[in-house]
Structures are given as C-alpha cells and as structure tokens.
C-alpha atoms as a PDB file:
ATOM      1  CA  MET A   1      65.020 -34.404  29.000  1.00  0.00           C
ATOM      2  CA  THR A   2      65.353 -38.746  28.180  1.00  0.00           C
ATOM      3  CA  GLU A   3      67.310 -39.633  31.416  1.00  0.00           C
ATOM      4  CA  ILE A   4      67.420 -39.165  34.828  1.00  0.00           C
ATOM      5  CA  GLY A   5      71.118 -37.931  36.389  1.00  0.00           C
ATOM      6  CA  ARG A   6      71.680 -35.578  33.742  1.00  0.00           C
ATOM      7  CA  ALA A   7      69.708 -32.126  34.275  1.00  0.00           C
ATOM      8  CA  HIS A   8      70.739 -31.671  30.175  1.00  0.00           C
ATOM      9  CA  SER A   9      72.419 -27.912  29.852  1.00  0.00           C
ATOM     10  CA  GLY A  10      76.343 -27.148  29.775  1.00  0.00           C
ATOM     11  CA  PHE A  11      76.003 -24.862  33.326  1.00  0.00           C
ATOM     12  CA  ALA A  12      74.570 -27.915  35.260  1.00  0.00           C
ATOM     13  CA  ASP A  13      77.678 -30.006  34.032  1.00  0.00           C
ATOM     14  CA  LEU A  14      80.079 -27.446  34.993  1.00  0.00           C
ATOM     15  CA  LEU A  15      78.578 -26.852  38.451  1.00  0.00           C
ATOM     16  CA  GLY A  16      78.287 -30.829  38.308  1.00  0.00           C
ATOM     17  CA  TYR A  17      74.586 -31.285  39.869  1.00  0.00           C
ATOM     18  CA  GLN A  18      72.038 -34.484  39.393  1.00  0.00           C
ATOM     19  CA  LEU A  19      68.535 -35.024  38.564  1.00  0.00           C
ATOM     20  CA  THR A  20      67.628 -37.092  41.418  1.00  0.00           C
ATOM     21  CA  GLU A  21      64.319 -37.551  41.862  1.00  0.00           C
ATOM     22  CA  ARG A  22      61.575 -36.323  39.122  1.00  0.00           C
ATOM     23  CA  LYS A  23      57.359 -36.315  39.220  1.00  0.00           C
ATOM     24  CA  ILE A  24      54.337 -34.891  38.791  1.00  0.00           C
ATOM     25  CA  ASP A  25      55.532 -31.543  40.125  1.00  0.00           C
ATOM     26  CA  HIS A  26      58.237 -32.752  41.475  1.00  0.00           C
ATOM     27  CA  ALA A  27      61.868 -32.060  41.201  1.00  0.00           C
ATOM     28  CA  GLU A  28      64.831 -33.280  42.877  1.00  0.00           C
ATOM     29  CA  VAL A  29      68.518 -32.579  42.673  1.00  0.00           C
ATOM     30  CA  THR A  30      71.457 -33.238  44.031  1.00  0.00           C
ATOM     31  CA  LEU A  31      75.792 -31.535  43.988  1.00  0.00           C
ATOM     32  CA  LYS A  32      78.395 -32.763  46.823  1.00  0.00           C
ATOM     33  CA  VAL A  33      79.980 -29.118  47.395  1.00  0.00           C
ATOM     34  CA  GLY A  34      83.720 -28.911  46.672  1.00  0.00           C
ATOM     35  CA  PRO A  35      85.827 -26.556  46.361  1.00  0.00           C
ATOM     36  CA  GLN A  36      85.309 -25.253  42.574  1.00  0.00           C
ATOM     37  CA  HIS A  37      81.820 -24.550  44.561  1.00  0.00           C
ATOM     38  CA  LEU A  38      83.239 -22.092  47.789  1.00  0.00           C
ATOM     39  CA  ASN A  39      83.310 -18.806  48.608  1.00  0.00           C
ATOM     40  CA  ARG A  40      86.522 -16.740  50.158  1.00  0.00           C
ATOM     41  CA  LEU A  41      84.840 -17.500  53.362  1.00  0.00           C
ATOM     42  CA  SER A  42      84.632 -21.671  52.272  1.00  0.00           C
ATOM     43  CA  ILE A  43      81.385 -21.752  52.785  1.00  0.00           C
ATOM     44  CA  PRO A  44      79.008 -22.857  48.645  1.00  0.00           C
ATOM     45  CA  HIS A  45      78.573 -19.712  47.150  1.00  0.00           C
ATOM     46  CA  GLY A  46      75.125 -17.675  47.285  1.00  0.00           C
ATOM     47  CA  GLY A  47      75.202 -18.081  43.465  1.00  0.00           C
ATOM     48  CA  VAL A  48      74.927 -22.322  43.929  1.00  0.00           C
ATOM     49  CA  LEU A  49      72.519 -22.167  46.248  1.00  0.00           C
ATOM     50  CA  ALA A  50      70.032 -19.637  43.853  1.00  0.00           C
ATOM     51  CA  THR A  51      70.887 -22.565  41.442  1.00  0.00           C
ATOM     52  CA  LEU A  52      69.745 -25.462  42.948  1.00  0.00           C
ATOM     53  CA  LEU A  53      66.828 -23.816  43.979  1.00  0.00           C
ATOM     54  CA  ASP A  54      65.949 -22.611  40.506  1.00  0.00           C
ATOM     55  CA  SER A  55      66.488 -25.465  39.057  1.00  0.00           C
ATOM     56  CA  ALA A  56      65.014 -27.582  41.440  1.00  0.00           C
ATOM     57  CA  ALA A  57      61.723 -25.032  41.119  1.00  0.00           C
ATOM     58  CA  GLY A  58      62.307 -24.945  37.445  1.00  0.00           C
ATOM     59  CA  PHE A  59      62.241 -28.895  36.854  1.00  0.00           C
ATOM     60  CA  ALA A  60      58.682 -29.286  39.406  1.00  0.00           C
ATOM     61  CA  ALA A  61      57.017 -26.729  37.036  1.00  0.00           C
ATOM     62  CA  ALA A  62      58.264 -28.846  33.416  1.00  0.00           C
ATOM     63  CA  PHE A  63      56.767 -31.714  35.261  1.00  0.00           C
ATOM     64  CA  VAL A  64      53.424 -30.273  34.835  1.00  0.00           C
ATOM     65  CA  ASN A  65      51.702 -33.164  33.222  1.00  0.00           C
ATOM     66  CA  ASP A  66      54.293 -36.294  32.787  1.00  0.00           C
ATOM     67  CA  PRO A  67      57.768 -36.176  33.786  1.00  0.00           C
ATOM     68  CA  ASP A  68      59.208 -38.309  30.936  1.00  0.00           C
ATOM     69  CA  GLN A  69      57.884 -35.166  28.838  1.00  0.00           C
ATOM     70  CA  PRO A  70      58.608 -32.842  30.995  1.00  0.00           C
ATOM     71  CA  ARG A  71      57.176 -28.674  29.519  1.00  0.00           C
ATOM     72  CA  THR A  72      59.910 -26.123  28.640  1.00  0.00           C
ATOM     73  CA  VAL A  73      60.078 -23.305  30.865  1.00  0.00           C
ATOM     74  CA  VAL A  74      62.176 -19.914  31.748  1.00  0.00           C
ATOM     75  CA  THR A  75      62.757 -18.478  34.880  1.00  0.00           C
ATOM     76  CA  LEU A  76      60.719 -15.133  35.093  1.00  0.00           C
ATOM     77  CA  SER A  77      61.437 -14.382  39.105  1.00  0.00           C
ATOM     78  CA  ILE A  78      63.090 -16.064  41.813  1.00  0.00           C
ATOM     79  CA  ASN A  79      63.189 -14.858  45.738  1.00  0.00           C
ATOM     80  CA  VAL A  80      65.824 -16.730  47.197  1.00  0.00           C
ATOM     81  CA  MET A  81      66.441 -16.929  51.342  1.00  0.00           C
ATOM     82  CA  PHE A  82      69.512 -18.014  52.096  1.00  0.00           C
ATOM     83  CA  LEU A  83      69.022 -19.587  55.460  1.00  0.00           C
ATOM     84  CA  GLY A  84      72.238 -21.306  56.306  1.00  0.00           C
ATOM     85  CA  GLN A  85      75.884 -22.651  55.199  1.00  0.00           C
ATOM     86  CA  ALA A  86      77.180 -26.083  54.333  1.00  0.00           C
ATOM     87  CA  ARG A  87      80.735 -27.287  54.204  1.00  0.00           C
ATOM     88  CA  ILE A  88      83.110 -29.176  51.639  1.00  0.00           C
ATOM     89  CA  GLY A  89      82.040 -32.412  51.014  1.00  0.00           C
ATOM     90  CA  ASP A  90      78.335 -32.050  51.920  1.00  0.00           C
ATOM     91  CA  THR A  91      75.342 -32.734  49.898  1.00  0.00           C
ATOM     92  CA  LEU A  92      73.190 -30.844  48.894  1.00  0.00           C
ATOM     93  CA  ILE A  93      69.534 -31.555  48.403  1.00  0.00           C
ATOM     94  CA  ALA A  94      67.405 -29.097  45.898  1.00  0.00           C
ATOM     95  CA  ARG A  95      63.650 -29.876  46.317  1.00  0.00           C
ATOM     96  CA  GLY A  96      60.737 -28.161  43.838  1.00  0.00           C
ATOM     97  CA  ARG A  97      57.126 -28.485  43.274  1.00  0.00           C
ATOM     98  CA  ARG A  98      54.587 -26.590  41.103  1.00  0.00           C
ATOM     99  CA  ILE A  99      52.487 -25.391  44.025  1.00  0.00           C
ATOM    100  CA  GLY A 100      50.076 -23.579  40.899  1.00  0.00           C
ATOM    101  CA  GLY A 101      50.103 -22.046  37.544  1.00  0.00           C
ATOM    102  CA  GLY A 102      48.240 -22.512  34.587  1.00  0.00           C
ATOM    103  CA  LYS A 103      48.624 -22.601  30.851  1.00  0.00           C
ATOM    104  CA  SER A 104      51.457 -20.083  30.777  1.00  0.00           C
ATOM    105  CA  ILE A 105      53.196 -19.377  33.738  1.00  0.00           C
ATOM    106  CA  ALA A 106      53.951 -21.743  36.751  1.00  0.00           C
ATOM    107  CA  TYR A 107      54.444 -21.153  40.492  1.00  0.00           C
ATOM    108  CA  ALA A 108      57.489 -23.529  42.569  1.00  0.00           C
ATOM    109  CA  THR A 109      58.976 -23.654  45.879  1.00  0.00           C
ATOM    110  CA  ALA A 110      61.929 -24.998  46.703  1.00  0.00           C
ATOM    111  CA  GLU A 111      64.226 -26.259  49.865  1.00  0.00           C
ATOM    112  CA  VAL A 112      68.136 -26.943  49.768  1.00  0.00           C
ATOM    113  CA  THR A 113      69.244 -28.757  53.387  1.00  0.00           C
ATOM    114  CA  SER A 114      72.243 -30.202  54.398  1.00  0.00           C
ATOM    115  CA  ASP A 115      72.060 -32.904  56.397  1.00  0.00           C
ATOM    116  CA  GLY A 116      68.054 -32.431  57.393  1.00  0.00           C
ATOM    117  CA  ARG A 117      68.997 -28.477  57.420  1.00  0.00           C
ATOM    118  CA  ALA A 118      67.445 -25.978  55.259  1.00  0.00           C
ATOM    119  CA  ILE A 119      69.797 -23.362  54.331  1.00  0.00           C
ATOM    120  CA  GLY A 120      68.183 -22.650  50.900  1.00  0.00           C
ATOM    121  CA  ARG A 121      64.844 -21.269  49.870  1.00  0.00           C
ATOM    122  CA  ALA A 122      63.332 -20.073  47.091  1.00  0.00           C
ATOM    123  CA  GLU A 123      59.763 -19.040  46.267  1.00  0.00           C
ATOM    124  CA  ALA A 124      59.764 -18.469  41.722  1.00  0.00           C
ATOM    125  CA  VAL A 125      57.640 -17.752  38.553  1.00  0.00           C
ATOM    126  CA  PHE A 126      58.064 -19.378  35.247  1.00  0.00           C
ATOM    127  CA  LYS A 127      56.397 -19.279  31.967  1.00  0.00           C
ATOM    128  CA  TYR A 128      55.864 -22.271  29.776  1.00  0.00           C
ATOM    129  CA  LEU A 129      57.380 -21.905  26.145  1.00  0.00           C
ATOM    130  CA  GLY A 130      55.406 -23.408  22.933  1.00  0.00           C
ATOM    131  CA  LYS A 131      53.225 -26.327  23.540  1.00  0.00           C
END
C-alpha cells in the first residue's frame, strides 16, 4: 500500500470505500451509502457492513509495525454483530484495532458507526502471510 485512500483491491473499488486513517494497530475506512449498497428494505446490506468491519480490522492487523509497510493478512474467522441501521446518503465509518497476537496470528476488533451511532461490531482473527 503506497497511498492513503485507496484500499488496493477490486472489491474495495467496486464498493467504493476508502482507507481514511492508518497508524500502528489502527485503521479507519469510510463509505458513503449509495443506492448500490442497499438491500430490499432500503438499508445498507449486511454484507456491506461486514466488508467494512473485516477491512478495518484486517488493516489494523496489517499495520502491526509500520503503516507504511503493512504485513499481508488473510481472515481466518470473523464474528459480526449488526446493531443498527443506516440510510442512503449516510457516511459509514469503520474503525479497526489490533488487540493482540503473535508472529503468525493477529486478533482485531472493529466497529462501524453512522452519525456516531454504532451499527455493527466485529471480532476477527487473521493469519500473517510471508515475513
């Protein structure tokens, strides 16, 4: 990753979320909710929220030593809790935090908010790939 803002994946580009903050053990991604993110109830699809939570937690795990030289991680497991709803036009902010781990495994948590209200939370386990 060489620039803040671009999450560097086709799926990130498809959904339109941005990496807006990065530091050791922490990451933030944001998404403005558009019609393409809605389910049949006209609220953001749970898969969109899960993606934001997974991405924020995964980036936080990757930024273990230096946000300019992230480690490569893959998600081993994630537990998502849906707590509320957002609407079209809202900006969703997902903040991830690495909470532990070692040389090969990382544990992280994330929360996604809309107008300061928590609408989703997750706990995840990641595996580091390579060195």
